């Protein structure tokens, strides 16, 4: 299986290559009023207007100014095309399916289903993200809450 690796802060992540349309240098983004802060705005990608999601903000990481390594990964989520701003794209990674460890149930609970698994490489642990789960418009706010507050526990009733 092939993945495109990218960095946010000091952590390595990866998307399956099949979901990626292209990787571009960030272009002019038109900010939109009254959208969540993780939505940078929209951008014109060769005549198509696409939303740009800042994955640092989505994952509730400290903001960082764009630099020469910043990239926008353009992905396809069903019929939608979405741009994802990342700190840097690192490499195309080939990972054997048997080398991928599933995310533990506690990690995937309550909205963290966007974590497809983990792969241990020489360079360290890579978190494999499910593009469809992560960027589903109906789930973005839930992803942000999981990132911000961790996994919430369902209330239990005492007897």
N, C-alpha and C. Protein backbone atom coordinates (compact mmCIF):
# COMPACT_ATOMS: atom_id res chain seq x y z
N UNK A 1 0.85 -1.18 0.00
CA UNK A 1 0.00 0.00 0.00
C UNK A 1 0.89 1.24 0.00
N UNK A 2 0.45 2.27 -0.73
CA UNK A 2 1.24 3.50 -0.79
C UNK A 2 0.51 4.62 -0.07
N UNK A 3 1.30 5.42 0.63
CA UNK A 3 0.80 6.55 1.39
C UNK A 3 1.66 7.77 1.08
N UNK A 4 1.09 8.94 1.27
CA UNK A 4 1.86 10.18 1.20
C UNK A 4 2.02 10.66 2.64
N UNK A 5 3.27 10.77 3.06
CA UNK A 5 3.57 11.20 4.42
C UNK A 5 3.64 12.71 4.51
N UNK A 6 3.18 13.23 5.64
CA UNK A 6 3.27 14.67 5.87
C UNK A 6 3.47 14.92 7.36
N UNK A 7 3.94 16.14 7.65
CA UNK A 7 4.25 16.51 9.02
C UNK A 7 3.35 17.63 9.49
N UNK A 8 2.90 17.47 10.73
CA UNK A 8 2.20 18.53 11.47
C UNK A 8 2.90 18.61 12.82
N UNK A 9 3.43 19.77 13.16
CA UNK A 9 4.24 19.92 14.38
C UNK A 9 5.35 18.88 14.28
N UNK A 10 5.54 18.06 15.28
CA UNK A 10 6.62 17.08 15.25
C UNK A 10 6.11 15.67 14.99
N UNK A 11 4.89 15.53 14.52
CA UNK A 11 4.30 14.21 14.30
C UNK A 11 4.16 13.93 12.80
N UNK A 12 4.40 12.68 12.44
CA UNK A 12 4.24 12.24 11.05
C UNK A 12 2.86 11.61 10.88
N UNK A 13 2.20 11.97 9.78
CA UNK A 13 0.90 11.43 9.41
C UNK A 13 1.00 10.96 7.96
N UNK A 14 -0.02 10.22 7.51
CA UNK A 14 -0.04 9.81 6.11
C UNK A 14 -1.48 9.58 5.65
N UNK A 15 -1.71 9.90 4.38
CA UNK A 15 -2.96 9.60 3.68
C UNK A 15 -2.66 8.53 2.65
N UNK A 16 -3.62 7.64 2.39
CA UNK A 16 -3.46 6.69 1.28
C UNK A 16 -3.39 7.49 -0.01
N UNK A 17 -2.49 7.09 -0.86
CA UNK A 17 -2.22 7.85 -2.08
C UNK A 17 -3.42 7.88 -3.03
N UNK A 18 -4.28 6.86 -2.95
CA UNK A 18 -5.44 6.79 -3.85
C UNK A 18 -6.40 7.95 -3.66
N UNK A 19 -6.44 8.52 -2.46
CA UNK A 19 -7.37 9.62 -2.19
C UNK A 19 -6.83 10.99 -2.53
N UNK A 20 -5.57 11.04 -2.96
CA UNK A 20 -4.92 12.32 -3.21
C UNK A 20 -4.98 12.67 -4.69
N UNK A 21 -5.45 13.87 -4.96
CA UNK A 21 -5.50 14.35 -6.35
C UNK A 21 -4.16 14.95 -6.74
N UNK A 22 -3.62 15.80 -5.87
CA UNK A 22 -2.34 16.45 -6.15
C UNK A 22 -1.85 17.16 -4.90
N UNK A 23 -0.60 17.59 -4.95
CA UNK A 23 0.01 18.36 -3.87
C UNK A 23 0.49 19.66 -4.49
N UNK A 24 0.08 20.79 -3.88
CA UNK A 24 0.42 22.09 -4.45
C UNK A 24 1.02 23.01 -3.38
N UNK A 25 1.73 24.01 -3.86
CA UNK A 25 2.21 25.08 -2.98
C UNK A 25 0.98 25.94 -2.68
N UNK A 26 0.76 26.29 -1.42
CA UNK A 26 -0.44 27.07 -1.10
C UNK A 26 -0.54 28.34 -1.94
N UNK A 27 -1.74 28.57 -2.43
CA UNK A 27 -2.02 29.72 -3.27
C UNK A 27 -2.86 30.69 -2.45
N UNK A 28 -3.28 31.74 -3.08
CA UNK A 28 -4.13 32.72 -2.40
C UNK A 28 -5.41 32.05 -1.91
N UNK A 29 -5.73 32.28 -0.64
CA UNK A 29 -6.94 31.74 -0.04
C UNK A 29 -7.85 32.90 0.32
N UNK A 30 -9.09 32.82 -0.12
CA UNK A 30 -10.08 33.84 0.21
C UNK A 30 -10.77 33.43 1.49
N UNK A 31 -10.61 34.26 2.51
CA UNK A 31 -11.22 33.95 3.80
C UNK A 31 -12.73 34.11 3.72
N UNK A 32 -13.41 33.29 4.49
CA UNK A 32 -14.87 33.29 4.51
C UNK A 32 -15.34 33.68 5.90
N UNK A 33 -16.39 34.49 6.00
CA UNK A 33 -16.91 34.83 7.32
C UNK A 33 -17.73 33.68 7.90
N UNK A 34 -17.78 33.64 9.20
CA UNK A 34 -18.64 32.72 9.94
C UNK A 34 -18.43 31.26 9.57
N UNK A 35 -17.16 30.86 9.49
CA UNK A 35 -16.82 29.45 9.31
C UNK A 35 -15.92 29.06 10.48
N UNK A 36 -15.84 27.79 10.81
CA UNK A 36 -14.94 27.37 11.89
C UNK A 36 -13.51 27.82 11.59
N UNK A 37 -12.71 28.02 12.64
CA UNK A 37 -11.35 28.55 12.44
C UNK A 37 -10.44 27.60 11.67
N UNK A 38 -10.77 26.31 11.63
CA UNK A 38 -9.93 25.38 10.87
C UNK A 38 -10.16 25.49 9.36
N UNK A 39 -11.20 26.20 8.94
CA UNK A 39 -11.43 26.45 7.52
C UNK A 39 -10.70 27.74 7.17
N UNK A 40 -9.61 27.61 6.41
CA UNK A 40 -8.84 28.80 6.03
C UNK A 40 -9.63 29.67 5.07
N UNK A 41 -10.48 29.03 4.27
CA UNK A 41 -11.26 29.75 3.27
C UNK A 41 -11.41 28.89 2.04
N UNK A 42 -11.47 29.54 0.90
CA UNK A 42 -11.58 28.82 -0.37
C UNK A 42 -10.46 29.28 -1.30
N UNK A 43 -10.12 28.41 -2.25
CA UNK A 43 -9.07 28.72 -3.20
C UNK A 43 -9.52 28.29 -4.59
N UNK A 44 -9.01 28.97 -5.59
CA UNK A 44 -9.33 28.66 -6.98
C UNK A 44 -8.25 27.71 -7.50
N UNK A 45 -8.63 26.45 -7.71
CA UNK A 45 -7.70 25.46 -8.23
C UNK A 45 -8.06 25.20 -9.68
N UNK A 46 -7.38 25.90 -10.59
CA UNK A 46 -7.62 25.78 -12.03
C UNK A 46 -9.11 25.87 -12.38
N UNK A 47 -9.77 26.88 -11.84
CA UNK A 47 -11.16 27.13 -12.18
C UNK A 47 -12.18 26.48 -11.27
N UNK A 48 -11.74 25.64 -10.34
CA UNK A 48 -12.64 25.01 -9.39
C UNK A 48 -12.40 25.61 -8.01
N UNK A 49 -13.47 26.07 -7.37
CA UNK A 49 -13.35 26.64 -6.03
C UNK A 49 -13.41 25.50 -5.02
N UNK A 50 -12.35 25.37 -4.20
CA UNK A 50 -12.30 24.30 -3.20
C UNK A 50 -12.09 24.88 -1.81
N UNK A 51 -12.67 24.24 -0.78
CA UNK A 51 -12.41 24.68 0.58
C UNK A 51 -11.01 24.24 1.00
N UNK A 52 -10.38 25.05 1.85
CA UNK A 52 -9.05 24.74 2.36
C UNK A 52 -9.17 24.55 3.88
N UNK A 53 -8.81 23.36 4.34
CA UNK A 53 -8.85 23.02 5.76
C UNK A 53 -7.42 23.03 6.28
N UNK A 54 -7.17 23.75 7.37
CA UNK A 54 -5.85 23.76 7.99
C UNK A 54 -5.82 22.63 9.01
N UNK A 55 -5.04 21.58 8.73
CA UNK A 55 -5.04 20.42 9.63
C UNK A 55 -4.43 20.74 10.99
N UNK A 56 -3.52 21.72 11.06
CA UNK A 56 -3.01 22.14 12.37
C UNK A 56 -4.16 22.64 13.24
N UNK A 57 -4.98 23.50 12.68
CA UNK A 57 -6.11 24.06 13.43
C UNK A 57 -7.15 22.99 13.73
N UNK A 58 -7.40 22.10 12.76
CA UNK A 58 -8.38 21.04 12.97
C UNK A 58 -7.95 20.15 14.14
N UNK A 59 -6.65 19.88 14.24
CA UNK A 59 -6.13 19.04 15.31
C UNK A 59 -5.80 19.83 16.57
N UNK A 60 -6.19 21.09 16.61
CA UNK A 60 -5.98 21.97 17.76
C UNK A 60 -4.51 22.09 18.15
N UNK A 61 -3.65 22.20 17.14
CA UNK A 61 -2.23 22.42 17.37
C UNK A 61 -1.94 23.92 17.29
N UNK A 62 -0.84 24.31 17.88
CA UNK A 62 -0.45 25.72 17.87
C UNK A 62 -0.25 26.20 16.43
N UNK A 63 -0.72 27.40 16.15
CA UNK A 63 -0.59 27.97 14.80
C UNK A 63 0.87 28.17 14.45
N UNK A 64 1.15 28.13 13.16
CA UNK A 64 2.50 28.34 12.65
C UNK A 64 2.38 29.06 11.32
N UNK A 65 3.17 30.09 11.11
CA UNK A 65 3.10 30.77 9.82
C UNK A 65 3.52 29.84 8.68
N UNK A 66 2.96 30.07 7.51
CA UNK A 66 3.35 29.28 6.34
C UNK A 66 4.79 29.61 5.99
N UNK A 67 5.50 28.58 5.49
CA UNK A 67 6.88 28.78 5.07
C UNK A 67 7.12 28.03 3.76
N UNK A 68 8.37 27.88 3.38
CA UNK A 68 8.71 27.25 2.10
C UNK A 68 8.33 25.77 2.04
N UNK A 69 8.14 25.13 3.20
CA UNK A 69 7.79 23.71 3.22
C UNK A 69 6.28 23.48 3.26
N UNK A 70 5.49 24.49 3.59
CA UNK A 70 4.04 24.35 3.70
C UNK A 70 3.47 23.90 2.36
N UNK A 71 2.57 22.93 2.42
CA UNK A 71 1.93 22.42 1.21
C UNK A 71 0.43 22.26 1.44
N UNK A 72 -0.30 22.23 0.34
CA UNK A 72 -1.72 21.91 0.36
C UNK A 72 -1.88 20.57 -0.36
N UNK A 73 -2.40 19.59 0.37
CA UNK A 73 -2.69 18.29 -0.22
C UNK A 73 -4.15 18.34 -0.67
N UNK A 74 -4.36 18.19 -1.96
CA UNK A 74 -5.71 18.23 -2.52
C UNK A 74 -6.22 16.80 -2.58
N UNK A 75 -7.33 16.56 -1.87
CA UNK A 75 -7.87 15.21 -1.76
C UNK A 75 -9.29 15.16 -2.30
N UNK A 76 -9.71 13.96 -2.64
CA UNK A 76 -11.08 13.73 -3.08
C UNK A 76 -11.79 12.93 -2.00
N UNK A 77 -12.89 13.50 -1.53
CA UNK A 77 -13.73 12.84 -0.52
C UNK A 77 -15.10 12.68 -1.16
N UNK A 78 -15.35 11.48 -1.69
CA UNK A 78 -16.58 11.29 -2.45
C UNK A 78 -16.57 12.25 -3.62
N UNK A 79 -17.66 13.00 -3.81
CA UNK A 79 -17.71 13.95 -4.93
C UNK A 79 -17.02 15.27 -4.63
N UNK A 80 -16.53 15.46 -3.41
CA UNK A 80 -15.93 16.74 -3.01
C UNK A 80 -14.42 16.74 -3.20
N UNK A 81 -13.89 17.91 -3.54
CA UNK A 81 -12.45 18.13 -3.58
C UNK A 81 -12.13 19.14 -2.48
N UNK A 82 -11.17 18.79 -1.63
CA UNK A 82 -10.83 19.60 -0.46
C UNK A 82 -9.31 19.74 -0.40
N UNK A 83 -8.84 20.93 -0.04
CA UNK A 83 -7.41 21.14 0.18
C UNK A 83 -7.10 21.07 1.66
N UNK A 84 -5.99 20.44 2.01
CA UNK A 84 -5.55 20.31 3.40
C UNK A 84 -4.18 20.94 3.54
N UNK A 85 -4.08 21.96 4.36
CA UNK A 85 -2.79 22.61 4.60
C UNK A 85 -2.01 21.82 5.65
N UNK A 86 -0.77 21.46 5.32
CA UNK A 86 0.11 20.73 6.23
C UNK A 86 1.45 21.45 6.31
N UNK A 87 2.23 21.15 7.35
CA UNK A 87 3.53 21.80 7.52
C UNK A 87 4.50 21.44 6.40
N UNK A 88 4.50 20.16 6.02
CA UNK A 88 5.40 19.70 4.97
C UNK A 88 4.95 18.34 4.49
N UNK A 89 5.13 18.08 3.20
CA UNK A 89 4.93 16.73 2.66
C UNK A 89 6.32 16.11 2.67
N UNK A 90 6.41 14.91 3.22
CA UNK A 90 7.73 14.32 3.44
C UNK A 90 8.13 13.30 2.39
N UNK A 91 7.24 12.35 2.09
CA UNK A 91 7.64 11.29 1.17
C UNK A 91 6.45 10.42 0.80
N UNK A 92 6.64 9.66 -0.27
CA UNK A 92 5.70 8.59 -0.58
C UNK A 92 6.24 7.36 0.15
N UNK A 93 5.36 6.71 0.90
CA UNK A 93 5.77 5.59 1.74
C UNK A 93 5.05 4.34 1.28
N UNK A 94 5.79 3.26 1.06
CA UNK A 94 5.19 1.96 0.79
C UNK A 94 5.17 1.20 2.12
N UNK A 95 3.97 0.76 2.50
CA UNK A 95 3.81 0.04 3.75
C UNK A 95 3.07 -1.26 3.46
N UNK A 96 3.66 -2.36 3.85
CA UNK A 96 3.01 -3.65 3.67
C UNK A 96 1.80 -3.71 4.62
N UNK A 97 0.68 -4.24 4.14
CA UNK A 97 -0.52 -4.30 4.99
C UNK A 97 -0.27 -4.96 6.34
N UNK A 98 0.60 -5.95 6.37
CA UNK A 98 0.88 -6.62 7.66
C UNK A 98 1.69 -5.75 8.62
N UNK A 99 2.26 -4.66 8.12
CA UNK A 99 3.02 -3.74 8.97
C UNK A 99 2.14 -2.66 9.59
N UNK A 100 0.87 -2.64 9.19
CA UNK A 100 -0.05 -1.63 9.72
C UNK A 100 -0.78 -2.21 10.92
N UNK A 101 -0.70 -1.48 12.02
CA UNK A 101 -1.41 -1.90 13.22
C UNK A 101 -2.68 -1.08 13.33
N UNK A 102 -3.77 -1.74 13.62
CA UNK A 102 -5.04 -1.05 13.80
C UNK A 102 -4.96 -0.13 15.00
N UNK A 103 -5.75 0.92 14.95
CA UNK A 103 -5.83 1.82 16.09
C UNK A 103 -6.57 1.10 17.21
N UNK A 104 -6.09 1.20 18.44
CA UNK A 104 -6.81 0.58 19.56
C UNK A 104 -8.21 1.16 19.68
N UNK A 105 -9.13 0.34 20.17
CA UNK A 105 -10.53 0.77 20.30
C UNK A 105 -10.67 2.07 21.05
N UNK A 106 -9.89 2.25 22.11
CA UNK A 106 -10.02 3.47 22.91
C UNK A 106 -9.62 4.71 22.11
N UNK A 107 -8.71 4.54 21.15
CA UNK A 107 -8.30 5.67 20.31
C UNK A 107 -9.40 6.00 19.31
N UNK A 108 -10.09 4.98 18.81
CA UNK A 108 -11.10 5.19 17.78
C UNK A 108 -12.47 5.54 18.37
N UNK A 109 -12.61 5.44 19.67
CA UNK A 109 -13.91 5.67 20.30
C UNK A 109 -14.33 7.13 20.17
N UNK A 110 -15.63 7.34 20.19
CA UNK A 110 -16.21 8.68 20.25
C UNK A 110 -15.64 9.66 19.23
N UNK A 111 -15.55 9.24 17.98
CA UNK A 111 -15.23 10.21 16.95
C UNK A 111 -13.85 10.15 16.38
N UNK A 112 -12.97 9.34 16.91
CA UNK A 112 -11.61 9.27 16.37
C UNK A 112 -11.49 8.17 15.32
N UNK A 113 -12.58 7.86 14.64
CA UNK A 113 -12.57 6.83 13.60
C UNK A 113 -11.72 7.25 12.41
N UNK A 114 -11.29 8.50 12.37
CA UNK A 114 -10.45 8.97 11.27
C UNK A 114 -9.02 8.44 11.36
N UNK A 115 -8.67 7.79 12.47
CA UNK A 115 -7.35 7.18 12.59
C UNK A 115 -7.47 5.75 12.06
N UNK A 116 -6.88 5.51 10.90
CA UNK A 116 -6.99 4.21 10.25
C UNK A 116 -6.03 3.19 10.85
N UNK A 117 -4.93 3.67 11.43
CA UNK A 117 -3.96 2.76 12.02
C UNK A 117 -2.63 3.45 12.22
N UNK A 118 -1.63 2.63 12.52
CA UNK A 118 -0.29 3.13 12.80
C UNK A 118 0.72 2.27 12.05
N UNK A 119 1.80 2.87 11.63
CA UNK A 119 2.89 2.13 11.00
C UNK A 119 4.19 2.59 11.65
N UNK A 120 5.00 1.64 12.03
CA UNK A 120 6.30 1.97 12.62
C UNK A 120 7.35 1.88 11.52
N UNK A 121 7.97 3.02 11.27
CA UNK A 121 9.02 3.10 10.27
C UNK A 121 10.34 3.43 10.95
N UNK A 122 11.42 3.37 10.21
CA UNK A 122 12.72 3.73 10.78
C UNK A 122 12.70 5.15 11.33
N UNK A 123 11.95 6.02 10.66
CA UNK A 123 11.90 7.43 11.07
C UNK A 123 10.97 7.67 12.26
N UNK A 124 10.22 6.65 12.66
CA UNK A 124 9.32 6.79 13.81
C UNK A 124 7.92 6.32 13.48
N UNK A 125 7.01 6.61 14.38
CA UNK A 125 5.63 6.17 14.25
C UNK A 125 4.86 7.12 13.32
N UNK A 126 4.13 6.54 12.38
CA UNK A 126 3.31 7.32 11.45
C UNK A 126 1.85 7.01 11.74
N UNK A 127 1.06 8.07 11.91
CA UNK A 127 -0.37 7.90 12.11
C UNK A 127 -1.04 7.92 10.74
N UNK A 128 -1.73 6.84 10.41
CA UNK A 128 -2.41 6.72 9.13
C UNK A 128 -3.83 7.23 9.28
N UNK A 129 -4.18 8.22 8.46
CA UNK A 129 -5.48 8.86 8.57
C UNK A 129 -6.40 8.40 7.44
N UNK A 130 -7.66 8.22 7.78
CA UNK A 130 -8.69 7.87 6.81
C UNK A 130 -9.27 9.18 6.28
N UNK A 131 -8.97 9.51 5.03
CA UNK A 131 -9.38 10.79 4.45
C UNK A 131 -10.89 10.97 4.52
N UNK A 132 -11.64 9.92 4.16
CA UNK A 132 -13.10 10.01 4.15
C UNK A 132 -13.69 10.31 5.51
N UNK A 133 -13.15 9.68 6.55
CA UNK A 133 -13.64 9.92 7.91
C UNK A 133 -13.18 11.28 8.43
N UNK A 134 -11.93 11.62 8.17
CA UNK A 134 -11.36 12.86 8.68
C UNK A 134 -12.04 14.09 8.08
N UNK A 135 -12.29 14.06 6.78
CA UNK A 135 -12.77 15.25 6.08
C UNK A 135 -14.24 15.19 5.70
N UNK A 136 -14.98 14.27 6.27
CA UNK A 136 -16.43 14.23 6.06
C UNK A 136 -17.00 15.51 6.66
N UNK A 137 -17.62 16.37 5.84
CA UNK A 137 -18.12 17.65 6.36
C UNK A 137 -19.03 17.50 7.58
N UNK A 138 -19.76 16.41 7.66
CA UNK A 138 -20.66 16.21 8.80
C UNK A 138 -19.90 15.85 10.08
N UNK A 139 -18.61 15.49 9.95
CA UNK A 139 -17.84 15.05 11.11
C UNK A 139 -16.70 15.98 11.50
N UNK A 140 -16.46 17.04 10.74
CA UNK A 140 -15.32 17.92 11.01
C UNK A 140 -15.35 18.51 12.42
N UNK A 141 -16.51 18.98 12.86
CA UNK A 141 -16.59 19.56 14.20
C UNK A 141 -16.31 18.49 15.26
N UNK A 142 -16.75 17.27 15.02
CA UNK A 142 -16.49 16.18 15.96
C UNK A 142 -14.99 15.87 16.00
N UNK A 143 -14.34 15.86 14.85
CA UNK A 143 -12.88 15.65 14.80
C UNK A 143 -12.19 16.72 15.64
N UNK A 144 -12.62 17.96 15.47
CA UNK A 144 -12.01 19.07 16.22
C UNK A 144 -12.20 18.89 17.72
N UNK A 145 -13.40 18.47 18.14
CA UNK A 145 -13.66 18.27 19.57
C UNK A 145 -12.80 17.14 20.15
N UNK A 146 -12.64 16.07 19.39
CA UNK A 146 -11.79 14.97 19.86
C UNK A 146 -10.36 15.48 20.01
N UNK A 147 -9.89 16.26 19.04
CA UNK A 147 -8.53 16.81 19.11
C UNK A 147 -8.38 17.77 20.29
N UNK A 148 -9.40 18.55 20.52
CA UNK A 148 -9.33 19.57 21.56
C UNK A 148 -9.44 18.98 22.97
N UNK A 149 -10.33 18.03 23.14
CA UNK A 149 -10.63 17.55 24.49
C UNK A 149 -10.31 16.09 24.71
N UNK A 150 -9.85 15.38 23.70
CA UNK A 150 -9.60 13.96 23.85
C UNK A 150 -10.90 13.19 23.75
N UNK A 151 -10.82 11.93 24.02
CA UNK A 151 -11.97 11.06 23.92
C UNK A 151 -12.88 11.32 25.10
N UNK A 152 -14.15 11.58 24.81
CA UNK A 152 -15.09 11.82 25.90
C UNK A 152 -15.69 10.49 26.32
N UNK A 153 -15.94 10.36 27.58
CA UNK A 153 -16.53 9.14 28.09
C UNK A 153 -18.04 9.32 28.18
N UNK A 154 -18.75 8.29 27.80
CA UNK A 154 -20.21 8.35 27.92
C UNK A 154 -20.58 8.33 29.39
N UNK A 155 -21.60 9.10 29.76
CA UNK A 155 -21.99 9.08 31.17
C UNK A 155 -22.52 7.69 31.53
N UNK A 156 -22.18 7.28 32.72
CA UNK A 156 -22.66 5.99 33.20
C UNK A 156 -23.64 6.24 34.34
N UNK A 157 -24.56 5.35 34.45
CA UNK A 157 -25.52 5.49 35.53
C UNK A 157 -25.17 4.53 36.63
N UNK A 158 -25.27 4.99 37.84
CA UNK A 158 -24.96 4.12 38.96
C UNK A 158 -26.24 3.47 39.45
N UNK A 159 -26.11 2.26 39.95
CA UNK A 159 -27.29 1.55 40.44
C UNK A 159 -27.28 1.44 41.92
